[in-house]
């Protein structure tokens, strides 16, 4: 399997995952305004993935999600927890290569 076909496959799998989440979100509503069940589902996704990713998954405007978070007092971390470990590893690699004279 070539690199390009792997990327296409991963993109299709991600889109399918997002579509399932979106369908579940829409099934919680009644077709009108957003319900409390939809909001709580969105808050769960925000907690897992962040506001921007939830916006892409559910196709709900980012401003709406931010407004809900502010209104209901939901604290949103600046970045997901995995970013801190990634940044630390990146910093160590840069320091290693800087000592070798590359940066």
N, C-alpha and C. Protein backbone atom coordinates (compact mmCIF):
# COMPACT_ATOMS: atom_id res chain seq x y z
N UNK A 1 0.85 -1.17 0.00
CA UNK A 1 0.00 0.00 0.00
C UNK A 1 0.90 1.24 0.00
N UNK A 2 0.68 2.13 -0.91
CA UNK A 2 1.52 3.31 -1.02
C UNK A 2 1.16 4.35 0.04
N UNK A 3 2.04 5.30 0.20
CA UNK A 3 1.85 6.35 1.20
C UNK A 3 0.61 7.18 0.90
N UNK A 4 0.40 7.48 -0.37
CA UNK A 4 -0.76 8.28 -0.76
C UNK A 4 -2.06 7.55 -0.46
N UNK A 5 -2.10 6.24 -0.74
CA UNK A 5 -3.33 5.50 -0.50
C UNK A 5 -3.59 5.33 1.01
N UNK A 6 -2.51 5.27 1.81
CA UNK A 6 -2.68 5.21 3.26
C UNK A 6 -3.29 6.51 3.78
N UNK A 7 -2.81 7.62 3.23
CA UNK A 7 -3.35 8.91 3.65
C UNK A 7 -4.82 9.04 3.29
N UNK A 8 -5.16 8.58 2.10
CA UNK A 8 -6.56 8.62 1.67
C UNK A 8 -7.41 7.74 2.57
N UNK A 9 -6.89 6.56 2.89
CA UNK A 9 -7.61 5.62 3.75
C UNK A 9 -7.82 6.23 5.14
N UNK A 10 -6.78 6.83 5.71
CA UNK A 10 -6.90 7.46 7.02
C UNK A 10 -7.90 8.61 7.01
N UNK A 11 -7.85 9.40 5.94
CA UNK A 11 -8.79 10.52 5.83
C UNK A 11 -10.23 10.03 5.75
N UNK A 12 -10.45 8.96 4.99
CA UNK A 12 -11.80 8.40 4.88
C UNK A 12 -12.27 7.82 6.22
N UNK A 13 -11.37 7.17 6.94
CA UNK A 13 -11.73 6.62 8.24
C UNK A 13 -12.07 7.73 9.24
N UNK A 14 -11.29 8.80 9.22
CA UNK A 14 -11.56 9.94 10.10
C UNK A 14 -12.90 10.58 9.76
N UNK A 15 -13.19 10.72 8.49
CA UNK A 15 -14.46 11.31 8.08
C UNK A 15 -15.63 10.42 8.48
N UNK A 16 -15.45 9.12 8.37
CA UNK A 16 -16.50 8.19 8.79
C UNK A 16 -16.75 8.30 10.30
N UNK A 17 -15.67 8.39 11.07
CA UNK A 17 -15.77 8.57 12.51
C UNK A 17 -16.52 9.86 12.84
N UNK A 18 -16.13 10.95 12.16
CA UNK A 18 -16.79 12.24 12.39
C UNK A 18 -18.27 12.18 12.02
N UNK A 19 -18.58 11.48 10.94
CA UNK A 19 -19.97 11.37 10.51
C UNK A 19 -20.81 10.61 11.55
N UNK A 20 -20.23 9.56 12.15
CA UNK A 20 -20.94 8.82 13.20
C UNK A 20 -21.20 9.72 14.40
N UNK A 21 -20.20 10.48 14.80
CA UNK A 21 -20.37 11.41 15.93
C UNK A 21 -21.43 12.46 15.61
N UNK A 22 -21.38 12.98 14.39
CA UNK A 22 -22.35 14.00 13.97
C UNK A 22 -23.77 13.43 13.96
N UNK A 23 -23.92 12.20 13.46
CA UNK A 23 -25.24 11.56 13.44
C UNK A 23 -25.76 11.35 14.86
N UNK A 24 -24.87 10.94 15.75
CA UNK A 24 -25.29 10.74 17.14
C UNK A 24 -25.71 12.08 17.76
N UNK A 25 -24.96 13.13 17.48
CA UNK A 25 -25.29 14.47 17.98
C UNK A 25 -26.66 14.92 17.46
N UNK A 26 -26.89 14.72 16.17
CA UNK A 26 -28.16 15.14 15.58
C UNK A 26 -29.33 14.28 16.07
N UNK A 27 -29.08 13.01 16.39
CA UNK A 27 -30.16 12.15 16.88
C UNK A 27 -30.62 12.56 18.28
N UNK A 28 -29.78 13.28 19.01
CA UNK A 28 -30.16 13.74 20.34
C UNK A 28 -31.10 14.93 20.30
N UNK A 29 -31.21 15.58 19.15
CA UNK A 29 -32.04 16.76 19.02
C UNK A 29 -33.40 16.46 18.42
N UNK A 30 -34.21 17.52 18.33
CA UNK A 30 -35.55 17.38 17.76
C UNK A 30 -35.72 18.15 16.46
N UNK A 31 -34.61 18.62 15.91
CA UNK A 31 -34.67 19.31 14.63
C UNK A 31 -34.78 20.81 14.74
N UNK A 32 -35.07 21.33 15.91
CA UNK A 32 -35.18 22.78 16.11
C UNK A 32 -33.90 23.31 16.73
N UNK A 33 -34.07 24.01 17.84
CA UNK A 33 -32.92 24.52 18.56
C UNK A 33 -32.17 23.36 19.21
N UNK A 34 -30.93 23.64 19.59
CA UNK A 34 -30.12 22.62 20.24
C UNK A 34 -30.71 22.27 21.60
N UNK A 35 -30.72 20.99 21.94
CA UNK A 35 -31.27 20.54 23.21
C UNK A 35 -30.16 20.43 24.26
N UNK A 36 -30.56 20.24 25.51
CA UNK A 36 -29.58 20.08 26.59
C UNK A 36 -28.75 18.82 26.38
N UNK A 37 -29.36 17.76 25.84
CA UNK A 37 -28.61 16.53 25.56
C UNK A 37 -27.52 16.79 24.52
N UNK A 38 -27.85 17.58 23.50
CA UNK A 38 -26.85 17.91 22.48
C UNK A 38 -25.71 18.73 23.09
N UNK A 39 -26.08 19.67 23.96
CA UNK A 39 -25.04 20.49 24.59
C UNK A 39 -24.11 19.63 25.45
N UNK A 40 -24.69 18.73 26.23
CA UNK A 40 -23.84 17.90 27.09
C UNK A 40 -22.95 16.97 26.24
N UNK A 41 -23.48 16.48 25.12
CA UNK A 41 -22.68 15.66 24.21
C UNK A 41 -21.53 16.50 23.63
N UNK A 42 -21.83 17.74 23.26
CA UNK A 42 -20.79 18.63 22.74
C UNK A 42 -19.74 18.91 23.81
N UNK A 43 -20.16 19.08 25.06
CA UNK A 43 -19.20 19.33 26.15
C UNK A 43 -18.29 18.13 26.35
N UNK A 44 -18.82 16.91 26.22
CA UNK A 44 -17.99 15.72 26.33
C UNK A 44 -16.93 15.70 25.23
N UNK A 45 -17.36 16.01 24.01
CA UNK A 45 -16.41 16.05 22.89
C UNK A 45 -15.37 17.15 23.07
N UNK A 46 -15.82 18.31 23.58
CA UNK A 46 -14.89 19.41 23.81
C UNK A 46 -13.85 18.99 24.83
N UNK A 47 -14.27 18.27 25.86
CA UNK A 47 -13.34 17.82 26.88
C UNK A 47 -12.31 16.85 26.30
N UNK A 48 -12.74 16.01 25.37
CA UNK A 48 -11.84 15.03 24.76
C UNK A 48 -10.93 15.65 23.70
N UNK A 49 -11.53 16.48 22.84
CA UNK A 49 -10.83 16.91 21.63
C UNK A 49 -10.55 18.40 21.52
N UNK A 50 -11.22 19.21 22.30
CA UNK A 50 -11.06 20.65 22.20
C UNK A 50 -12.18 21.27 21.36
N UNK A 51 -12.25 22.59 21.41
CA UNK A 51 -13.34 23.32 20.75
C UNK A 51 -13.22 23.25 19.23
N UNK A 52 -12.04 23.48 18.71
CA UNK A 52 -11.90 23.51 17.25
C UNK A 52 -12.17 22.16 16.60
N UNK A 53 -11.68 21.08 17.22
CA UNK A 53 -11.95 19.75 16.67
C UNK A 53 -13.43 19.42 16.77
N UNK A 54 -14.07 19.79 17.87
CA UNK A 54 -15.51 19.55 18.02
C UNK A 54 -16.29 20.32 16.97
N UNK A 55 -15.83 21.52 16.65
CA UNK A 55 -16.46 22.30 15.59
C UNK A 55 -16.41 21.55 14.27
N UNK A 56 -15.25 20.99 13.95
CA UNK A 56 -15.12 20.24 12.69
C UNK A 56 -15.95 18.97 12.70
N UNK A 57 -15.98 18.28 13.85
CA UNK A 57 -16.71 17.02 13.92
C UNK A 57 -18.21 17.23 13.82
N UNK A 58 -18.74 18.16 14.64
CA UNK A 58 -20.20 18.35 14.71
C UNK A 58 -20.75 19.35 13.70
N UNK A 59 -19.84 20.12 13.09
CA UNK A 59 -20.24 21.19 12.16
C UNK A 59 -21.19 22.18 12.84
N UNK A 60 -20.81 22.54 14.05
CA UNK A 60 -21.50 23.58 14.81
C UNK A 60 -20.54 24.76 14.85
N UNK A 61 -21.02 25.99 14.67
CA UNK A 61 -20.10 27.14 14.68
C UNK A 61 -19.28 27.21 15.97
N UNK A 62 -18.03 27.55 15.82
CA UNK A 62 -17.12 27.63 16.96
C UNK A 62 -17.61 28.64 17.98
N UNK A 63 -18.13 29.75 17.50
CA UNK A 63 -18.64 30.80 18.40
C UNK A 63 -19.78 30.26 19.27
N UNK A 64 -20.60 29.41 18.69
CA UNK A 64 -21.71 28.81 19.45
C UNK A 64 -21.15 27.95 20.58
N UNK A 65 -20.17 27.10 20.27
CA UNK A 65 -19.58 26.25 21.29
C UNK A 65 -18.89 27.08 22.37
N UNK A 66 -18.20 28.14 21.97
CA UNK A 66 -17.55 29.00 22.94
C UNK A 66 -18.58 29.72 23.83
N UNK A 67 -19.67 30.13 23.24
CA UNK A 67 -20.74 30.79 23.99
C UNK A 67 -21.34 29.82 25.01
N UNK A 68 -21.57 28.57 24.60
CA UNK A 68 -22.10 27.56 25.51
C UNK A 68 -21.14 27.34 26.67
N UNK A 69 -19.87 27.22 26.36
CA UNK A 69 -18.87 26.98 27.41
C UNK A 69 -18.86 28.13 28.42
N UNK A 70 -18.95 29.34 27.92
CA UNK A 70 -18.96 30.50 28.81
C UNK A 70 -20.24 30.53 29.64
N UNK A 71 -21.37 30.26 29.00
CA UNK A 71 -22.67 30.33 29.65
C UNK A 71 -22.82 29.26 30.73
N UNK A 72 -22.33 28.04 30.47
CA UNK A 72 -22.49 26.93 31.40
C UNK A 72 -21.27 26.71 32.28
N UNK A 73 -20.29 27.60 32.18
CA UNK A 73 -19.12 27.54 33.04
C UNK A 73 -18.23 26.33 32.79
N UNK A 74 -18.15 25.89 31.55
CA UNK A 74 -17.30 24.76 31.20
C UNK A 74 -15.89 25.27 30.92
N UNK A 75 -14.93 24.77 31.68
CA UNK A 75 -13.54 25.17 31.50
C UNK A 75 -12.93 24.37 30.36
N UNK A 76 -12.33 25.06 29.41
CA UNK A 76 -11.69 24.41 28.27
C UNK A 76 -10.20 24.67 28.37
N UNK A 77 -9.43 23.57 28.40
CA UNK A 77 -7.98 23.70 28.45
C UNK A 77 -7.49 24.35 27.17
N UNK A 78 -6.40 25.07 27.28
CA UNK A 78 -5.83 25.76 26.12
C UNK A 78 -5.42 24.79 25.03
N UNK A 79 -4.91 23.63 25.42
CA UNK A 79 -4.54 22.60 24.45
C UNK A 79 -4.73 21.22 25.09
N UNK A 80 -4.88 20.19 24.27
CA UNK A 80 -5.07 18.84 24.81
C UNK A 80 -3.86 18.39 25.65
N UNK A 81 -4.08 17.43 26.53
CA UNK A 81 -3.03 17.02 27.47
C UNK A 81 -1.82 16.42 26.77
N UNK A 82 -1.99 15.77 25.61
CA UNK A 82 -0.86 15.15 24.93
C UNK A 82 0.13 16.17 24.40
N UNK A 83 -0.29 17.41 24.22
CA UNK A 83 0.58 18.44 23.65
C UNK A 83 1.77 18.72 24.56
N UNK A 84 1.56 18.67 25.87
CA UNK A 84 2.64 19.00 26.79
C UNK A 84 3.78 17.99 26.70
N UNK A 85 3.46 16.72 26.62
CA UNK A 85 4.49 15.69 26.45
C UNK A 85 5.20 15.82 25.12
N UNK A 86 4.44 16.10 24.07
CA UNK A 86 5.02 16.28 22.74
C UNK A 86 5.98 17.46 22.73
N UNK A 87 5.57 18.57 23.37
CA UNK A 87 6.42 19.76 23.39
C UNK A 87 7.71 19.50 24.16
N UNK A 88 7.62 18.74 25.24
CA UNK A 88 8.82 18.42 26.03
C UNK A 88 9.80 17.57 25.20
N UNK A 89 9.27 16.56 24.49
CA UNK A 89 10.13 15.74 23.64
C UNK A 89 10.77 16.58 22.54
N UNK A 90 10.00 17.47 21.96
CA UNK A 90 10.51 18.35 20.90
C UNK A 90 11.62 19.25 21.44
N UNK A 91 11.41 19.79 22.62
CA UNK A 91 12.41 20.66 23.23
C UNK A 91 13.71 19.90 23.47
N UNK A 92 13.60 18.66 23.96
CA UNK A 92 14.80 17.86 24.21
C UNK A 92 15.55 17.56 22.91
N UNK A 93 14.81 17.24 21.85
CA UNK A 93 15.45 16.98 20.55
C UNK A 93 16.17 18.22 20.04
N UNK A 94 15.50 19.36 20.15
CA UNK A 94 16.13 20.60 19.68
C UNK A 94 17.40 20.91 20.48
N UNK A 95 17.33 20.71 21.79
CA UNK A 95 18.50 20.95 22.63
C UNK A 95 19.63 20.02 22.23
N UNK A 96 19.32 18.76 21.97
CA UNK A 96 20.33 17.79 21.54
C UNK A 96 21.01 18.26 20.25
N UNK A 97 20.21 18.65 19.26
CA UNK A 97 20.78 19.05 17.98
C UNK A 97 21.47 20.41 18.07
N UNK A 98 21.01 21.27 18.98
CA UNK A 98 21.66 22.56 19.16
C UNK A 98 23.07 22.36 19.72
N UNK A 99 23.20 21.41 20.66
CA UNK A 99 24.52 21.11 21.23
C UNK A 99 25.45 20.54 20.17
N UNK A 100 24.89 19.86 19.16
CA UNK A 100 25.69 19.31 18.07
C UNK A 100 26.06 20.37 17.05
N UNK A 101 25.44 21.57 17.17
CA UNK A 101 25.78 22.67 16.28
C UNK A 101 24.85 22.88 15.10
N UNK A 102 23.67 22.25 15.11
CA UNK A 102 22.77 22.39 13.98
C UNK A 102 21.77 23.53 14.13
N UNK A 103 21.55 24.03 15.33
CA UNK A 103 20.60 25.15 15.51
C UNK A 103 21.30 26.34 16.08
